[in-house]
Amino acid sequence: MNNEGIDSWISIFEATTFEEAAIVKGLLESSKIPVVLDRDSLGDSYGMEESVFNEVAVKVPKELVSEAAQLVQSKQYGTPQDY
């Protein structure tokens, strides 16, 4: 799959840091799902040239949204509460 029409890719996850976005990207890419990370789209949504938000949108092709979202939702993030 090529990256043509990347502007029409769909955001399936909004990471609070670039590092978190990179982890999600690695998860998706390990399952052969193409991914782009987009910091600009969040600021554009609010009519800002330079985003004041730290969020990073994780985007995939429209035809892989369901598969990608299920994969991300199936993984637990963060630190376990009980030891």
PDB file of N, CA and C in Angstrom:
ATOM      1  N   MET A   1       0.862  -1.180   0.000  1.00  0.00           N
ATOM      2  CA  MET A   1       0.000   0.000   0.000  1.00  0.00           C
ATOM      3  C   MET A   1       0.901   1.235   0.000  1.00  0.00           C
ATOM      4  N   ASN A   2       0.580   2.179  -0.826  1.00  0.00           N
ATOM      5  CA  ASN A   2       1.383   3.401  -0.867  1.00  0.00           C
ATOM      6  C   ASN A   2       0.757   4.474   0.014  1.00  0.00           C
ATOM      7  N   ASN A   3       1.430   5.582   0.137  1.00  0.00           N
ATOM      8  CA  ASN A   3       0.963   6.662   1.010  1.00  0.00           C
ATOM      9  C   ASN A   3       0.236   7.764   0.246  1.00  0.00           C
ATOM     10  N   GLU A   4      -0.277   7.440  -0.946  1.00  0.00           N
ATOM     11  CA  GLU A   4      -1.018   8.439  -1.713  1.00  0.00           C
ATOM     12  C   GLU A   4      -2.288   8.820  -0.960  1.00  0.00           C
ATOM     13  N   GLY A   5      -2.662  10.062  -1.032  1.00  0.00           N
ATOM     14  CA  GLY A   5      -3.882  10.521  -0.376  1.00  0.00           C
ATOM     15  C   GLY A   5      -3.783  10.518   1.132  1.00  0.00           C
ATOM     16  N   ILE A   6      -2.591  10.715   1.632  1.00  0.00           N
ATOM     17  CA  ILE A   6      -2.352  10.642   3.079  1.00  0.00           C
ATOM     18  C   ILE A   6      -3.178  11.666   3.848  1.00  0.00           C
ATOM     19  N   ASP A   7      -3.578  12.745   3.183  1.00  0.00           N
ATOM     20  CA  ASP A   7      -4.421  13.752   3.839  1.00  0.00           C
ATOM     21  C   ASP A   7      -5.802  13.211   4.176  1.00  0.00           C
ATOM     22  N   SER A   8      -6.185  12.136   3.504  1.00  0.00           N
ATOM     23  CA  SER A   8      -7.506  11.555   3.762  1.00  0.00           C
ATOM     24  C   SER A   8      -7.444  10.398   4.753  1.00  0.00           C
ATOM     25  N   TRP A   9      -6.275  10.121   5.320  1.00  0.00           N
ATOM     26  CA  TRP A   9      -6.166   9.063   6.316  1.00  0.00           C
ATOM     27  C   TRP A   9      -6.936   9.471   7.570  1.00  0.00           C
ATOM     28  N   ILE A  10      -7.336   8.494   8.364  1.00  0.00           N
ATOM     29  CA  ILE A  10      -8.203   8.715   9.514  1.00  0.00           C
ATOM     30  C   ILE A  10      -7.414   8.575  10.815  1.00  0.00           C
ATOM     31  N   SER A  11      -7.660   9.489  11.736  1.00  0.00           N
ATOM     32  CA  SER A  11      -7.028   9.422  13.059  1.00  0.00           C
ATOM     33  C   SER A  11      -7.745   8.368  13.897  1.00  0.00           C
ATOM     34  N   ILE A  12      -6.973   7.405  14.425  1.00  0.00           N
ATOM     35  CA  ILE A  12      -7.574   6.366  15.259  1.00  0.00           C
ATOM     36  C   ILE A  12      -7.158   6.491  16.715  1.00  0.00           C
ATOM     37  N   PHE A  13      -6.197   7.387  16.991  1.00  0.00           N
ATOM     38  CA  PHE A  13      -5.690   7.530  18.349  1.00  0.00           C
ATOM     39  C   PHE A  13      -5.044   8.896  18.470  1.00  0.00           C
ATOM     40  N   GLU A  14      -5.262   9.559  19.595  1.00  0.00           N
ATOM     41  CA  GLU A  14      -4.585  10.828  19.872  1.00  0.00           C
ATOM     42  C   GLU A  14      -3.712  10.632  21.096  1.00  0.00           C
ATOM     43  N   ALA A  15      -2.415  10.598  20.864  1.00  0.00           N
ATOM     44  CA  ALA A  15      -1.441  10.389  21.932  1.00  0.00           C
ATOM     45  C   ALA A  15      -1.160  11.707  22.634  1.00  0.00           C
ATOM     46  N   THR A  16      -0.890  11.630  23.923  1.00  0.00           N
ATOM     47  CA  THR A  16      -0.598  12.849  24.672  1.00  0.00           C
ATOM     48  C   THR A  16       0.857  13.279  24.532  1.00  0.00           C
ATOM     49  N   THR A  17       1.725  12.364  24.087  1.00  0.00           N
ATOM     50  CA  THR A  17       3.130  12.696  23.847  1.00  0.00           C
ATOM     51  C   THR A  17       3.579  12.042  22.546  1.00  0.00           C
ATOM     52  N   PHE A  18       4.677  12.542  21.999  1.00  0.00           N
ATOM     53  CA  PHE A  18       5.229  11.930  20.793  1.00  0.00           C
ATOM     54  C   PHE A  18       5.682  10.503  21.086  1.00  0.00           C
ATOM     55  N   GLU A  19       6.220  10.265  22.273  1.00  0.00           N
ATOM     56  CA  GLU A  19       6.697   8.945  22.648  1.00  0.00           C
ATOM     57  C   GLU A  19       5.551   7.926  22.652  1.00  0.00           C
ATOM     58  N   GLU A  20       4.403   8.330  23.200  1.00  0.00           N
ATOM     59  CA  GLU A  20       3.238   7.451  23.215  1.00  0.00           C
ATOM     60  C   GLU A  20       2.791   7.155  21.782  1.00  0.00           C
ATOM     61  N   ALA A  21       2.797   8.170  20.928  1.00  0.00           N
ATOM     62  CA  ALA A  21       2.420   7.980  19.529  1.00  0.00           C
ATOM     63  C   ALA A  21       3.381   7.017  18.837  1.00  0.00           C
ATOM     64  N   ALA A  22       4.665   7.106  19.155  1.00  0.00           N
ATOM     65  CA  ALA A  22       5.665   6.224  18.550  1.00  0.00           C
ATOM     66  C   ALA A  22       5.437   4.770  18.961  1.00  0.00           C
ATOM     67  N   ILE A  23       5.008   4.544  20.191  1.00  0.00           N
ATOM     68  CA  ILE A  23       4.703   3.186  20.651  1.00  0.00           C
ATOM     69  C   ILE A  23       3.520   2.617  19.878  1.00  0.00           C
ATOM     70  N   VAL A  24       2.468   3.424  19.734  1.00  0.00           N
ATOM     71  CA  VAL A  24       1.280   2.977  18.991  1.00  0.00           C
ATOM     72  C   VAL A  24       1.652   2.736  17.531  1.00  0.00           C
ATOM     73  N   LYS A  25       2.466   3.616  16.974  1.00  0.00           N
ATOM     74  CA  LYS A  25       2.912   3.444  15.588  1.00  0.00           C
ATOM     75  C   LYS A  25       3.646   2.122  15.431  1.00  0.00           C
ATOM     76  N   GLY A  26       4.553   1.817  16.354  1.00  0.00           N
ATOM     77  CA  GLY A  26       5.297   0.552  16.294  1.00  0.00           C
ATOM     78  C   GLY A  26       4.382  -0.653  16.382  1.00  0.00           C
ATOM     79  N   LEU A  27       3.379  -0.584  17.245  1.00  0.00           N
ATOM     80  CA  LEU A  27       2.403  -1.664  17.383  1.00  0.00           C
ATOM     81  C   LEU A  27       1.686  -1.913  16.056  1.00  0.00           C
ATOM     82  N   LEU A  28       1.224  -0.839  15.440  1.00  0.00           N
ATOM     83  CA  LEU A  28       0.497  -0.964  14.181  1.00  0.00           C
ATOM     84  C   LEU A  28       1.405  -1.435  13.050  1.00  0.00           C
ATOM     85  N   GLU A  29       2.591  -0.870  12.963  1.00  0.00           N
ATOM     86  CA  GLU A  29       3.517  -1.259  11.895  1.00  0.00           C
ATOM     87  C   GLU A  29       3.944  -2.718  12.035  1.00  0.00           C
ATOM     88  N   SER A  30       4.039  -3.225  13.265  1.00  0.00           N
ATOM     89  CA  SER A  30       4.402  -4.635  13.452  1.00  0.00           C
ATOM     90  C   SER A  30       3.310  -5.560  12.936  1.00  0.00           C
ATOM     91  N   SER A  31       2.102  -5.030  12.770  1.00  0.00           N
ATOM     92  CA  SER A  31       0.987  -5.778  12.190  1.00  0.00           C
ATOM     93  C   SER A  31       0.769  -5.408  10.724  1.00  0.00           C
ATOM     94  N   LYS A  32       1.781  -4.782  10.122  1.00  0.00           N
ATOM     95  CA  LYS A  32       1.756  -4.412   8.695  1.00  0.00           C
ATOM     96  C   LYS A  32       0.685  -3.380   8.348  1.00  0.00           C
ATOM     97  N   ILE A  33       0.370  -2.505   9.313  1.00  0.00           N
ATOM     98  CA  ILE A  33      -0.584  -1.420   9.068  1.00  0.00           C
ATOM     99  C   ILE A  33       0.211  -0.133   8.891  1.00  0.00           C
ATOM    100  N   PRO A  34       0.110   0.534   7.733  1.00  0.00           N
ATOM    101  CA  PRO A  34       0.832   1.793   7.528  1.00  0.00           C
ATOM    102  C   PRO A  34       0.297   2.881   8.451  1.00  0.00           C
ATOM    103  N   VAL A  35       1.202   3.715   8.943  1.00  0.00           N
ATOM    104  CA  VAL A  35       0.860   4.729   9.950  1.00  0.00           C
ATOM    105  C   VAL A  35       1.591   6.027   9.649  1.00  0.00           C
ATOM    106  N   VAL A  36       0.930   7.146   9.920  1.00  0.00           N
ATOM    107  CA  VAL A  36       1.606   8.438   9.950  1.00  0.00           C
ATOM    108  C   VAL A  36       1.252   9.114  11.271  1.00  0.00           C
ATOM    109  N   LEU A  37       2.189   9.884  11.777  1.00  0.00           N
ATOM    110  CA  LEU A  37       1.966  10.681  12.978  1.00  0.00           C
ATOM    111  C   LEU A  37       1.792  12.119  12.534  1.00  0.00           C
ATOM    112  N   ASP A  38       0.779  12.780  13.074  1.00  0.00           N
ATOM    113  CA  ASP A  38       0.433  14.124  12.608  1.00  0.00           C
ATOM    114  C   ASP A  38       0.205  15.056  13.788  1.00  0.00           C
ATOM    115  N   ARG A  39       1.108  15.984  13.967  1.00  0.00           N
ATOM    116  CA  ARG A  39       0.947  17.000  15.017  1.00  0.00           C
ATOM    117  C   ARG A  39       0.150  18.197  14.525  1.00  0.00           C
ATOM    118  N   ASP A  40       0.210  18.475  13.236  1.00  0.00           N
ATOM    119  CA  ASP A  40      -0.376  19.689  12.683  1.00  0.00           C
ATOM    120  C   ASP A  40      -1.891  19.675  12.629  1.00  0.00           C
ATOM    121  N   SER A  41      -2.499  18.520  12.413  1.00  0.00           N
ATOM    122  CA  SER A  41      -3.938  18.492  12.172  1.00  0.00           C
ATOM    123  C   SER A  41      -4.744  18.953  13.374  1.00  0.00           C
ATOM    124  N   LEU A  42      -4.243  18.744  14.581  1.00  0.00           N
ATOM    125  CA  LEU A  42      -4.995  19.145  15.763  1.00  0.00           C
ATOM    126  C   LEU A  42      -5.077  20.659  15.877  1.00  0.00           C
ATOM    127  N   GLY A  43      -3.984  21.350  15.605  1.00  0.00           N
ATOM    128  CA  GLY A  43      -4.006  22.805  15.632  1.00  0.00           C
ATOM    129  C   GLY A  43      -4.850  23.370  14.512  1.00  0.00           C
ATOM    130  N   ASP A  44      -4.784  22.732  13.323  1.00  0.00           N
ATOM    131  CA  ASP A  44      -5.578  23.178  12.191  1.00  0.00           C
ATOM    132  C   ASP A  44      -7.066  23.084  12.491  1.00  0.00           C
ATOM    133  N   SER A  45      -7.459  22.073  13.269  1.00  0.00           N
ATOM    134  CA  SER A  45      -8.871  21.884  13.595  1.00  0.00           C
ATOM    135  C   SER A  45      -9.429  23.074  14.362  1.00  0.00           C
ATOM    136  N   TYR A  46      -8.570  23.750  15.078  1.00  0.00           N
ATOM    137  CA  TYR A  46      -9.005  24.890  15.883  1.00  0.00           C
ATOM    138  C   TYR A  46      -8.605  26.225  15.256  1.00  0.00           C
ATOM    139  N   GLY A  47      -8.173  26.187  13.991  1.00  0.00           N
ATOM    140  CA  GLY A  47      -7.838  27.404  13.273  1.00  0.00           C
ATOM    141  C   GLY A  47      -6.548  28.049  13.744  1.00  0.00           C
ATOM    142  N   MET A  48      -5.622  27.252  14.238  1.00  0.00           N
ATOM    143  CA  MET A  48      -4.340  27.781  14.710  1.00  0.00           C
ATOM    144  C   MET A  48      -3.248  27.350  13.742  1.00  0.00           C
ATOM    145  N   GLU A  49      -2.343  28.279  13.453  1.00  0.00           N
ATOM    146  CA  GLU A  49      -1.233  27.923  12.577  1.00  0.00           C
ATOM    147  C   GLU A  49      -0.261  27.001  13.282  1.00  0.00           C
ATOM    148  N   GLU A  50       0.039  27.272  14.518  1.00  0.00           N
ATOM    149  CA  GLU A  50       0.958  26.447  15.288  1.00  0.00           C
ATOM    150  C   GLU A  50       0.207  25.923  16.500  1.00  0.00           C
ATOM    151  N   SER A  51       0.142  24.625  16.596  1.00  0.00           N
ATOM    152  CA  SER A  51      -0.656  24.008  17.645  1.00  0.00           C
ATOM    153  C   SER A  51      -0.070  24.267  19.025  1.00  0.00           C
ATOM    154  N   VAL A  52      -0.947  24.592  19.975  1.00  0.00           N
ATOM    155  CA  VAL A  52      -0.530  24.735  21.364  1.00  0.00           C
ATOM    156  C   VAL A  52      -0.756  23.421  22.100  1.00  0.00           C
ATOM    157  N   PHE A  53      -1.281  22.450  21.372  1.00  0.00           N
ATOM    158  CA  PHE A  53      -1.537  21.144  21.953  1.00  0.00           C
ATOM    159  C   PHE A  53      -0.315  20.251  21.787  1.00  0.00           C
ATOM    160  N   ASN A  54      -0.130  19.345  22.723  1.00  0.00           N
ATOM    161  CA  ASN A  54       0.964  18.389  22.620  1.00  0.00           C
ATOM    162  C   ASN A  54       0.522  17.099  21.939  1.00  0.00           C
ATOM    163  N   GLU A  55      -0.767  16.933  21.718  1.00  0.00           N
ATOM    164  CA  GLU A  55      -1.264  15.693  21.162  1.00  0.00           C
ATOM    165  C   GLU A  55      -0.705  15.415  19.774  1.00  0.00           C
ATOM    166  N   VAL A  56      -0.562  14.122  19.502  1.00  0.00           N
ATOM    167  CA  VAL A  56      -0.113  13.662  18.195  1.00  0.00           C
ATOM    168  C   VAL A  56      -1.168  12.686  17.688  1.00  0.00           C
ATOM    169  N   ALA A  57      -1.727  12.971  16.519  1.00  0.00           N
ATOM    170  CA  ALA A  57      -2.722  12.088  15.924  1.00  0.00           C
ATOM    171  C   ALA A  57      -2.014  10.935  15.230  1.00  0.00           C
ATOM    172  N   VAL A  58      -2.503   9.714  15.487  1.00  0.00           N
ATOM    173  CA  VAL A  58      -2.004   8.520  14.817  1.00  0.00           C
ATOM    174  C   VAL A  58      -3.024   8.190  13.735  1.00  0.00           C
ATOM    175  N   LYS A  59      -2.580   8.249  12.463  1.00  0.00           N
ATOM    176  CA  LYS A  59      -3.498   8.080  11.332  1.00  0.00           C
ATOM    177  C   LYS A  59      -3.165   6.836  10.526  1.00  0.00           C
ATOM    178  N   VAL A  60      -4.230   6.207  10.017  1.00  0.00           N
ATOM    179  CA  VAL A  60      -4.092   5.030   9.160  1.00  0.00           C
ATOM    180  C   VAL A  60      -5.006   5.197   7.945  1.00  0.00           C
ATOM    181  N   PRO A  61      -4.777   4.403   6.892  1.00  0.00           N
ATOM    182  CA  PRO A  61      -5.669   4.464   5.733  1.00  0.00           C
ATOM    183  C   PRO A  61      -7.094   4.086   6.120  1.00  0.00           C
ATOM    184  N   LYS A  62      -8.060   4.711   5.451  1.00  0.00           N
ATOM    185  CA  LYS A  62      -9.470   4.524   5.778  1.00  0.00           C
ATOM    186  C   LYS A  62      -9.877   3.047   5.800  1.00  0.00           C
ATOM    187  N   GLU A  63      -9.357   2.268   4.860  1.00  0.00           N
ATOM    188  CA  GLU A  63      -9.770   0.867   4.768  1.00  0.00           C
ATOM    189  C   GLU A  63      -9.200  -0.006   5.889  1.00  0.00           C
ATOM    190  N   LEU A  64      -8.278   0.528   6.689  1.00  0.00           N
ATOM    191  CA  LEU A  64      -7.692  -0.246   7.793  1.00  0.00           C
ATOM    192  C   LEU A  64      -8.072   0.299   9.170  1.00  0.00           C
ATOM    193  N   VAL A  65      -8.996   1.250   9.217  1.00  0.00           N
ATOM    194  CA  VAL A  65      -9.382   1.888  10.484  1.00  0.00           C
ATOM    195  C   VAL A  65      -9.898   0.871  11.492  1.00  0.00           C
ATOM    196  N   SER A  66     -10.791   0.014  11.086  1.00  0.00           N
ATOM    197  CA  SER A  66     -11.389  -0.946  12.017  1.00  0.00           C
ATOM    198  C   SER A  66     -10.338  -1.884  12.597  1.00  0.00           C
ATOM    199  N   GLU A  67      -9.505  -2.443  11.734  1.00  0.00           N
ATOM    200  CA  GLU A  67      -8.450  -3.361  12.182  1.00  0.00           C
ATOM    201  C   GLU A  67      -7.473  -2.658  13.120  1.00  0.00           C
ATOM    202  N   ALA A  68      -7.062  -1.445  12.760  1.00  0.00           N
ATOM    203  CA  ALA A  68      -6.106  -0.695  13.572  1.00  0.00           C
ATOM    204  C   ALA A  68      -6.704  -0.324  14.925  1.00  0.00           C
ATOM    205  N   ALA A  69      -7.937   0.141  14.933  1.00  0.00           N
ATOM    206  CA  ALA A  69      -8.583   0.534  16.188  1.00  0.00           C
ATOM    207  C   ALA A  69      -8.739  -0.664  17.120  1.00  0.00           C
ATOM    208  N   GLN A  70      -9.116  -1.822  16.580  1.00  0.00           N
ATOM    209  CA  GLN A  70      -9.250  -3.025  17.404  1.00  0.00           C
ATOM    210  C   GLN A  70      -7.916  -3.430  18.003  1.00  0.00           C
ATOM    211  N   LEU A  71      -6.852  -3.322  17.223  1.00  0.00           N
ATOM    212  CA  LEU A  71      -5.523  -3.681  17.702  1.00  0.00           C
ATOM    213  C   LEU A  71      -5.091  -2.765  18.845  1.00  0.00           C
ATOM    214  N   VAL A  72      -5.281  -1.464  18.682  1.00  0.00           N
ATOM    215  CA  VAL A  72      -4.890  -0.499  19.717  1.00  0.00           C
ATOM    216  C   VAL A  72      -5.727  -0.711  20.972  1.00  0.00           C
ATOM    217  N   GLN A  73      -7.021  -0.937  20.813  1.00  0.00           N
ATOM    218  CA  GLN A  73      -7.899  -1.130  21.971  1.00  0.00           C
ATOM    219  C   GLN A  73      -7.609  -2.430  22.711  1.00  0.00           C
ATOM    220  N   SER A  74      -7.023  -3.407  22.023  1.00  0.00           N
ATOM    221  CA  SER A  74      -6.752  -4.693  22.661  1.00  0.00           C
ATOM    222  C   SER A  74      -5.517  -4.652  23.559  1.00  0.00           C
ATOM    223  N   LYS A  75      -4.728  -3.616  23.461  1.00  0.00           N
ATOM    224  CA  LYS A  75      -3.505  -3.488  24.256  1.00  0.00           C
ATOM    225  C   LYS A  75      -3.743  -2.584  25.451  1.00  0.00           C
ATOM    226  N   GLN A  76      -3.145  -2.942  26.574  1.00  0.00           N
ATOM    227  CA  GLN A  76      -3.238  -2.098  27.769  1.00  0.00           C
ATOM    228  C   GLN A  76      -2.023  -1.185  27.820  1.00  0.00           C
ATOM    229  N   TYR A  77      -2.263   0.053  28.177  1.00  0.00           N
ATOM    230  CA  TYR A  77      -1.184   1.025  28.315  1.00  0.00           C
ATOM    231  C   TYR A  77      -1.138   1.492  29.756  1.00  0.00           C
ATOM    232  N   GLY A  78       0.020   1.934  30.163  1.00  0.00           N
ATOM    233  CA  GLY A  78       0.159   2.458  31.520  1.00  0.00           C
ATOM    234  C   GLY A  78       0.727   1.410  32.453  1.00  0.00           C
ATOM    235  N   THR A  79       0.755   1.767  33.715  1.00  0.00           N
ATOM    236  CA  THR A  79       1.314   0.923  34.748  1.00  0.00           C
ATOM    237  C   THR A  79       0.204   0.149  35.439  1.00  0.00           C
ATOM    238  N   PRO A  80       0.400  -1.150  35.646  1.00  0.00           N
ATOM    239  CA  PRO A  80      -0.620  -1.919  36.361  1.00  0.00           C
ATOM    240  C   PRO A  80      -0.844  -1.346  37.770  1.00  0.00           C
ATOM    241  N   GLN A  81      -2.083  -1.327  38.199  1.00  0.00           N
ATOM    242  CA  GLN A  81      -2.440  -0.762  39.497  1.00  0.00           C
ATOM    243  C   GLN A  81      -2.111  -1.709  40.649  1.00  0.00           C
ATOM    244  N   ASP A  82      -2.233  -2.995  40.433  1.00  0.00           N
ATOM    245  CA  ASP A  82      -2.021  -3.974  41.506  1.00  0.00           C
ATOM    246  C   ASP A  82      -0.717  -4.725  41.314  1.00  0.00           C
ATOM    247  N   TYR A  83       0.048  -4.828  42.389  1.00  0.00           N
ATOM    248  CA  TYR A  83       1.297  -5.588  42.337  1.00  0.00           C
ATOM    249  C   TYR A  83       1.217  -6.755  43.275  1.00  0.00           C
TER     250      TYR A  83
END
